[in-house]
N, C-alpha and C. Protein backbone atom coordinates (compact mmCIF):
# COMPACT_ATOMS: atom_id res chain seq x y z
N UNK A 1 -56.09 -73.17 10.83
CA UNK A 1 -56.49 -74.57 10.85
C UNK A 1 -57.55 -74.80 11.92
N UNK A 2 -58.67 -75.33 11.53
CA UNK A 2 -59.76 -75.55 12.47
C UNK A 2 -59.50 -76.82 13.28
N UNK A 3 -59.87 -76.76 14.53
CA UNK A 3 -59.73 -77.92 15.41
C UNK A 3 -61.12 -78.48 15.68
N UNK A 4 -61.22 -79.78 15.82
CA UNK A 4 -62.50 -80.36 16.20
C UNK A 4 -62.70 -80.14 17.69
N UNK A 5 -63.96 -80.24 18.13
CA UNK A 5 -64.28 -80.10 19.56
C UNK A 5 -63.42 -81.08 20.38
N UNK A 6 -63.30 -82.30 19.85
CA UNK A 6 -62.55 -83.34 20.56
C UNK A 6 -61.07 -82.97 20.70
N UNK A 7 -60.47 -82.47 19.61
CA UNK A 7 -59.06 -82.05 19.66
C UNK A 7 -58.86 -80.92 20.66
N UNK A 8 -59.79 -79.98 20.62
CA UNK A 8 -59.69 -78.85 21.54
C UNK A 8 -59.77 -79.35 22.98
N UNK A 9 -60.75 -80.21 23.26
CA UNK A 9 -60.89 -80.73 24.62
C UNK A 9 -59.63 -81.46 25.07
N UNK A 10 -59.06 -82.32 24.18
CA UNK A 10 -57.85 -83.07 24.53
C UNK A 10 -56.71 -82.13 24.91
N UNK A 11 -56.50 -81.10 24.08
CA UNK A 11 -55.39 -80.18 24.34
C UNK A 11 -55.62 -79.34 25.58
N UNK A 12 -56.85 -78.89 25.78
CA UNK A 12 -57.18 -78.12 26.99
C UNK A 12 -56.96 -79.01 28.21
N UNK A 13 -57.42 -80.26 28.11
CA UNK A 13 -57.27 -81.20 29.23
C UNK A 13 -55.79 -81.42 29.55
N UNK A 14 -54.98 -81.61 28.52
CA UNK A 14 -53.54 -81.81 28.76
C UNK A 14 -52.92 -80.58 29.43
N UNK A 15 -53.30 -79.39 28.97
CA UNK A 15 -52.76 -78.16 29.55
C UNK A 15 -53.14 -78.07 31.03
N UNK A 16 -54.38 -78.41 31.35
CA UNK A 16 -54.84 -78.34 32.74
C UNK A 16 -54.19 -79.42 33.60
N UNK A 17 -54.03 -80.62 33.05
CA UNK A 17 -53.36 -81.69 33.81
C UNK A 17 -51.95 -81.25 34.16
N UNK A 18 -51.23 -80.70 33.16
CA UNK A 18 -49.85 -80.24 33.37
C UNK A 18 -49.79 -79.11 34.38
N UNK A 19 -50.61 -78.10 34.16
CA UNK A 19 -50.54 -76.89 34.99
C UNK A 19 -51.00 -77.15 36.42
N UNK A 20 -52.00 -78.01 36.59
CA UNK A 20 -52.62 -78.18 37.91
C UNK A 20 -52.26 -79.49 38.58
N UNK A 21 -51.58 -80.37 37.85
CA UNK A 21 -51.21 -81.66 38.44
C UNK A 21 -52.41 -82.50 38.81
N UNK A 22 -53.46 -82.41 38.00
CA UNK A 22 -54.66 -83.22 38.26
C UNK A 22 -54.67 -84.43 37.33
N UNK A 23 -55.51 -85.41 37.67
CA UNK A 23 -55.61 -86.61 36.85
C UNK A 23 -56.54 -86.39 35.67
N UNK A 24 -56.27 -87.14 34.61
CA UNK A 24 -57.07 -87.03 33.39
C UNK A 24 -58.56 -87.15 33.66
N UNK A 25 -58.93 -88.10 34.52
CA UNK A 25 -60.37 -88.33 34.75
C UNK A 25 -61.03 -87.22 35.58
N UNK A 26 -60.23 -86.35 36.18
CA UNK A 26 -60.81 -85.22 36.92
C UNK A 26 -61.22 -84.09 35.98
N UNK A 27 -60.58 -84.04 34.82
CA UNK A 27 -60.81 -82.94 33.87
C UNK A 27 -61.97 -83.29 32.95
N UNK A 28 -63.19 -83.03 33.43
CA UNK A 28 -64.40 -83.25 32.64
C UNK A 28 -64.88 -81.89 32.13
N UNK A 29 -65.73 -81.88 31.11
CA UNK A 29 -66.23 -80.59 30.61
C UNK A 29 -66.90 -79.74 31.69
N UNK A 30 -67.57 -80.40 32.64
CA UNK A 30 -68.32 -79.67 33.68
C UNK A 30 -67.44 -79.22 34.84
N UNK A 31 -66.24 -79.76 34.95
CA UNK A 31 -65.38 -79.44 36.10
C UNK A 31 -65.03 -77.95 36.10
N UNK A 32 -65.13 -77.32 37.28
CA UNK A 32 -64.74 -75.91 37.38
C UNK A 32 -63.24 -75.84 37.67
N UNK A 33 -62.60 -74.84 37.08
CA UNK A 33 -61.14 -74.74 37.21
C UNK A 33 -60.72 -74.52 38.65
N UNK A 34 -61.44 -73.66 39.34
CA UNK A 34 -61.05 -73.34 40.71
C UNK A 34 -61.63 -74.33 41.70
N UNK A 35 -62.96 -74.48 41.69
CA UNK A 35 -63.63 -75.34 42.68
C UNK A 35 -63.24 -76.80 42.58
N UNK A 36 -63.32 -77.35 41.36
CA UNK A 36 -63.07 -78.79 41.20
C UNK A 36 -61.59 -79.12 41.00
N UNK A 37 -60.89 -78.28 40.23
CA UNK A 37 -59.51 -78.62 39.87
C UNK A 37 -58.47 -77.88 40.71
N UNK A 38 -58.93 -76.97 41.56
CA UNK A 38 -58.01 -76.32 42.50
C UNK A 38 -57.09 -75.26 41.92
N UNK A 39 -57.47 -74.68 40.79
CA UNK A 39 -56.63 -73.64 40.18
C UNK A 39 -56.61 -72.39 41.06
N UNK A 40 -55.47 -71.74 41.11
CA UNK A 40 -55.34 -70.46 41.81
C UNK A 40 -54.91 -69.42 40.79
N UNK A 41 -55.00 -68.15 41.18
CA UNK A 41 -54.65 -67.07 40.25
C UNK A 41 -53.35 -67.33 39.51
N UNK A 42 -52.34 -67.73 40.27
CA UNK A 42 -51.01 -67.93 39.69
C UNK A 42 -51.04 -69.02 38.61
N UNK A 43 -51.91 -70.02 38.78
CA UNK A 43 -52.00 -71.11 37.80
C UNK A 43 -52.52 -70.64 36.45
N UNK A 44 -53.32 -69.57 36.46
CA UNK A 44 -53.89 -69.11 35.20
C UNK A 44 -52.81 -68.67 34.21
N UNK A 45 -51.74 -68.11 34.72
CA UNK A 45 -50.64 -67.71 33.84
C UNK A 45 -50.05 -68.93 33.14
N UNK A 46 -49.87 -69.99 33.90
CA UNK A 46 -49.33 -71.24 33.36
C UNK A 46 -50.30 -71.85 32.35
N UNK A 47 -51.59 -71.85 32.70
CA UNK A 47 -52.61 -72.40 31.81
C UNK A 47 -52.63 -71.62 30.50
N UNK A 48 -52.63 -70.29 30.61
CA UNK A 48 -52.64 -69.43 29.43
C UNK A 48 -51.43 -69.72 28.54
N UNK A 49 -50.25 -69.83 29.17
CA UNK A 49 -49.03 -70.10 28.42
C UNK A 49 -49.14 -71.43 27.67
N UNK A 50 -49.62 -72.46 28.35
CA UNK A 50 -49.75 -73.78 27.73
C UNK A 50 -50.77 -73.78 26.59
N UNK A 51 -51.87 -73.06 26.78
CA UNK A 51 -52.89 -72.99 25.73
C UNK A 51 -52.39 -72.20 24.52
N UNK A 52 -51.65 -71.12 24.79
CA UNK A 52 -51.10 -70.33 23.68
C UNK A 52 -50.17 -71.19 22.83
N UNK A 53 -49.36 -71.99 23.51
CA UNK A 53 -48.43 -72.86 22.81
C UNK A 53 -49.16 -73.97 22.04
N UNK A 54 -50.12 -74.59 22.70
CA UNK A 54 -50.84 -75.73 22.11
C UNK A 54 -51.64 -75.32 20.87
N UNK A 55 -52.20 -74.10 20.91
CA UNK A 55 -53.09 -73.69 19.82
C UNK A 55 -52.51 -72.58 18.94
N UNK A 56 -51.31 -72.11 19.29
CA UNK A 56 -50.68 -71.04 18.56
C UNK A 56 -51.60 -69.80 18.49
N UNK A 57 -52.07 -69.38 19.67
CA UNK A 57 -52.93 -68.20 19.77
C UNK A 57 -52.37 -67.29 20.84
N UNK A 58 -52.82 -66.04 20.85
CA UNK A 58 -52.46 -65.08 21.90
C UNK A 58 -53.66 -64.93 22.82
N UNK A 59 -53.42 -65.03 24.12
CA UNK A 59 -54.52 -64.91 25.08
C UNK A 59 -54.22 -63.77 26.06
N UNK A 60 -54.88 -62.63 25.89
CA UNK A 60 -54.73 -61.58 26.90
C UNK A 60 -55.34 -62.08 28.21
N UNK A 61 -54.59 -61.97 29.29
CA UNK A 61 -55.05 -62.54 30.55
C UNK A 61 -56.41 -62.00 30.98
N UNK A 62 -56.64 -60.69 30.74
CA UNK A 62 -57.91 -60.11 31.20
C UNK A 62 -59.11 -60.64 30.42
N UNK A 63 -58.85 -61.25 29.27
CA UNK A 63 -59.96 -61.85 28.53
C UNK A 63 -60.45 -63.11 29.23
N UNK A 64 -59.51 -63.82 29.80
CA UNK A 64 -59.85 -65.08 30.44
C UNK A 64 -60.25 -64.87 31.90
N UNK A 65 -59.68 -63.86 32.51
CA UNK A 65 -59.89 -63.64 33.94
C UNK A 65 -60.02 -62.15 34.19
N UNK A 66 -61.23 -61.59 34.07
CA UNK A 66 -61.43 -60.14 34.10
C UNK A 66 -61.36 -59.55 35.50
N UNK A 67 -60.17 -59.63 36.08
CA UNK A 67 -59.98 -59.13 37.44
C UNK A 67 -60.34 -57.66 37.57
N UNK A 68 -60.11 -56.91 36.48
CA UNK A 68 -60.38 -55.47 36.54
C UNK A 68 -61.88 -55.20 36.77
N UNK A 69 -62.73 -56.10 36.33
CA UNK A 69 -64.17 -55.93 36.59
C UNK A 69 -64.47 -56.30 38.04
N UNK A 70 -63.87 -57.41 38.50
CA UNK A 70 -64.18 -57.93 39.83
C UNK A 70 -63.61 -57.06 40.96
N UNK A 71 -62.69 -56.16 40.63
CA UNK A 71 -62.11 -55.30 41.67
C UNK A 71 -62.53 -53.85 41.48
N UNK A 72 -63.47 -53.61 40.57
CA UNK A 72 -63.87 -52.25 40.23
C UNK A 72 -65.15 -51.88 40.99
N UNK A 73 -65.11 -50.81 41.77
CA UNK A 73 -66.27 -50.44 42.59
C UNK A 73 -67.48 -50.03 41.73
N UNK A 74 -67.24 -49.73 40.47
CA UNK A 74 -68.36 -49.43 39.56
C UNK A 74 -69.19 -50.69 39.33
N UNK A 75 -68.51 -51.83 39.34
CA UNK A 75 -69.16 -53.09 38.99
C UNK A 75 -69.42 -54.02 40.17
N UNK A 76 -68.92 -53.63 41.33
CA UNK A 76 -69.08 -54.49 42.51
C UNK A 76 -69.64 -53.67 43.66
N UNK A 77 -70.65 -54.22 44.32
CA UNK A 77 -71.25 -53.55 45.47
C UNK A 77 -71.43 -54.57 46.57
N UNK A 78 -70.83 -54.31 47.71
CA UNK A 78 -70.98 -55.18 48.88
C UNK A 78 -70.65 -56.64 48.54
N UNK A 79 -69.55 -56.83 47.80
CA UNK A 79 -69.09 -58.18 47.51
C UNK A 79 -69.82 -58.89 46.39
N UNK A 80 -70.77 -58.20 45.78
CA UNK A 80 -71.51 -58.81 44.67
C UNK A 80 -71.33 -58.00 43.40
N UNK A 81 -71.31 -58.71 42.27
CA UNK A 81 -71.21 -58.03 40.98
C UNK A 81 -72.57 -57.42 40.67
N UNK A 82 -72.59 -56.14 40.31
CA UNK A 82 -73.82 -55.41 40.01
C UNK A 82 -74.37 -55.84 38.65
N UNK A 83 -75.63 -55.47 38.35
CA UNK A 83 -76.17 -55.76 37.01
C UNK A 83 -75.28 -55.20 35.89
N UNK A 84 -74.73 -54.00 36.10
CA UNK A 84 -73.81 -53.42 35.11
C UNK A 84 -72.57 -54.29 34.98
N UNK A 85 -72.08 -54.78 36.10
CA UNK A 85 -70.91 -55.64 36.10
C UNK A 85 -71.18 -56.93 35.35
N UNK A 86 -72.37 -57.49 35.56
CA UNK A 86 -72.75 -58.71 34.86
C UNK A 86 -72.82 -58.48 33.36
N UNK A 87 -73.37 -57.33 32.96
CA UNK A 87 -73.42 -57.00 31.53
C UNK A 87 -72.01 -56.93 30.95
N UNK A 88 -71.11 -56.29 31.70
CA UNK A 88 -69.73 -56.15 31.26
C UNK A 88 -69.05 -57.51 31.15
N UNK A 89 -69.30 -58.39 32.13
CA UNK A 89 -68.73 -59.74 32.09
C UNK A 89 -69.24 -60.49 30.86
N UNK A 90 -70.53 -60.37 30.59
CA UNK A 90 -71.11 -61.07 29.43
C UNK A 90 -70.50 -60.55 28.13
N UNK A 91 -70.30 -59.22 28.09
CA UNK A 91 -69.74 -58.63 26.89
C UNK A 91 -68.30 -59.12 26.69
N UNK A 92 -67.57 -59.19 27.81
CA UNK A 92 -66.16 -59.55 27.76
C UNK A 92 -65.95 -61.06 27.61
N UNK A 93 -66.91 -61.83 28.13
CA UNK A 93 -66.75 -63.29 28.16
C UNK A 93 -67.93 -64.00 27.49
N UNK A 94 -68.16 -63.74 26.21
CA UNK A 94 -69.32 -64.34 25.55
C UNK A 94 -69.28 -65.86 25.51
N UNK A 95 -68.09 -66.42 25.69
CA UNK A 95 -67.89 -67.86 25.64
C UNK A 95 -68.18 -68.56 26.96
N UNK A 96 -68.37 -67.76 28.02
CA UNK A 96 -68.60 -68.37 29.35
C UNK A 96 -70.08 -68.44 29.66
N UNK A 97 -70.48 -69.49 30.33
CA UNK A 97 -71.87 -69.62 30.76
C UNK A 97 -72.01 -68.96 32.13
N UNK A 98 -72.65 -67.79 32.15
CA UNK A 98 -72.75 -67.03 33.40
C UNK A 98 -74.09 -67.20 34.10
N UNK A 99 -74.94 -68.09 33.60
CA UNK A 99 -76.30 -68.17 34.15
C UNK A 99 -76.34 -68.56 35.63
N UNK A 100 -75.49 -69.49 36.06
CA UNK A 100 -75.47 -69.85 37.49
C UNK A 100 -74.95 -68.70 38.33
N UNK A 101 -73.91 -68.05 37.85
CA UNK A 101 -73.31 -66.95 38.59
C UNK A 101 -74.30 -65.80 38.77
N UNK A 102 -75.11 -65.55 37.76
CA UNK A 102 -76.07 -64.44 37.82
C UNK A 102 -77.04 -64.58 38.98
N UNK A 103 -77.37 -65.81 39.35
CA UNK A 103 -78.35 -66.02 40.40
C UNK A 103 -77.85 -65.53 41.75
N UNK A 104 -76.54 -65.62 41.97
CA UNK A 104 -75.96 -65.10 43.21
C UNK A 104 -74.53 -64.67 42.91
N UNK A 105 -74.37 -63.47 42.30
CA UNK A 105 -73.07 -63.08 41.75
C UNK A 105 -72.06 -62.57 42.77
N UNK A 106 -71.71 -63.44 43.72
CA UNK A 106 -70.71 -63.04 44.70
C UNK A 106 -69.33 -63.13 44.08
N UNK A 107 -68.55 -62.07 44.27
CA UNK A 107 -67.21 -62.02 43.68
C UNK A 107 -66.40 -63.26 44.07
N UNK A 108 -66.51 -63.67 45.33
CA UNK A 108 -65.70 -64.80 45.79
C UNK A 108 -66.06 -66.11 45.09
N UNK A 109 -67.25 -66.16 44.49
CA UNK A 109 -67.66 -67.38 43.80
C UNK A 109 -67.31 -67.38 42.33
N UNK A 110 -66.79 -66.26 41.85
CA UNK A 110 -66.55 -66.13 40.42
C UNK A 110 -65.63 -67.24 39.90
N UNK A 111 -64.64 -67.60 40.68
CA UNK A 111 -63.70 -68.63 40.26
C UNK A 111 -64.35 -69.98 40.03
N UNK A 112 -65.49 -70.20 40.69
CA UNK A 112 -66.18 -71.47 40.52
C UNK A 112 -67.02 -71.50 39.26
N UNK A 113 -66.93 -70.42 38.52
CA UNK A 113 -67.73 -70.24 37.33
C UNK A 113 -67.10 -70.91 36.11
N UNK A 114 -65.82 -70.67 35.94
CA UNK A 114 -65.15 -71.14 34.73
C UNK A 114 -65.02 -72.65 34.73
N UNK A 115 -65.59 -73.26 33.70
CA UNK A 115 -65.50 -74.71 33.58
C UNK A 115 -64.52 -75.06 32.46
N UNK A 116 -64.18 -76.32 32.40
CA UNK A 116 -63.33 -76.82 31.33
C UNK A 116 -64.02 -76.55 29.98
N UNK A 117 -65.34 -76.73 29.95
CA UNK A 117 -66.09 -76.47 28.72
C UNK A 117 -65.97 -75.00 28.30
N UNK A 118 -66.02 -74.09 29.27
CA UNK A 118 -65.86 -72.66 28.96
C UNK A 118 -64.49 -72.41 28.33
N UNK A 119 -63.47 -73.05 28.89
CA UNK A 119 -62.12 -72.90 28.33
C UNK A 119 -62.08 -73.39 26.88
N UNK A 120 -62.73 -74.51 26.63
CA UNK A 120 -62.77 -75.07 25.28
C UNK A 120 -63.50 -74.11 24.33
N UNK A 121 -64.60 -73.54 24.80
CA UNK A 121 -65.36 -72.59 23.98
C UNK A 121 -64.51 -71.36 23.68
N UNK A 122 -63.77 -70.91 24.69
CA UNK A 122 -62.92 -69.74 24.52
C UNK A 122 -61.85 -70.02 23.45
N UNK A 123 -61.16 -71.15 23.61
CA UNK A 123 -60.09 -71.50 22.68
C UNK A 123 -60.66 -71.66 21.27
N UNK A 124 -61.82 -72.28 21.16
CA UNK A 124 -62.43 -72.48 19.85
C UNK A 124 -62.69 -71.13 19.18
N UNK A 125 -63.20 -70.18 19.96
CA UNK A 125 -63.48 -68.84 19.41
C UNK A 125 -62.18 -68.14 19.00
N UNK A 126 -61.13 -68.29 19.84
CA UNK A 126 -59.85 -67.62 19.55
C UNK A 126 -59.15 -68.25 18.35
N UNK A 127 -59.26 -69.55 18.23
CA UNK A 127 -58.51 -70.27 17.19
C UNK A 127 -59.25 -70.23 15.84
N UNK A 128 -60.49 -69.80 15.87
CA UNK A 128 -61.29 -69.78 14.63
C UNK A 128 -60.74 -68.77 13.63
């Protein structure tokens, strides 16, 4: 069953409000999960669980949060994701907009990358 963009956004927003205890008006498409909404690693498990339930999909955690890339010395040099690492992230996360991150790909900033819109794009691709 296909979901409209609006339905997807509503359900993603509800999942984030529940998981993060944020207000509805804070969850905008541009809001970043970590920077704006205060999500931490542990919250991603809760978010994933809520999204799986809401959309009846399976979400492998590494698809949403590729920690294995960010902690791999092949892909990270001196705290920054290498060009190879960026290619791998793009391959793994085609639904995420990585253009801002590419300009200064510091691992510590990666969490500020994922936006509510990225989550909606991801769910839309998974639920299709």
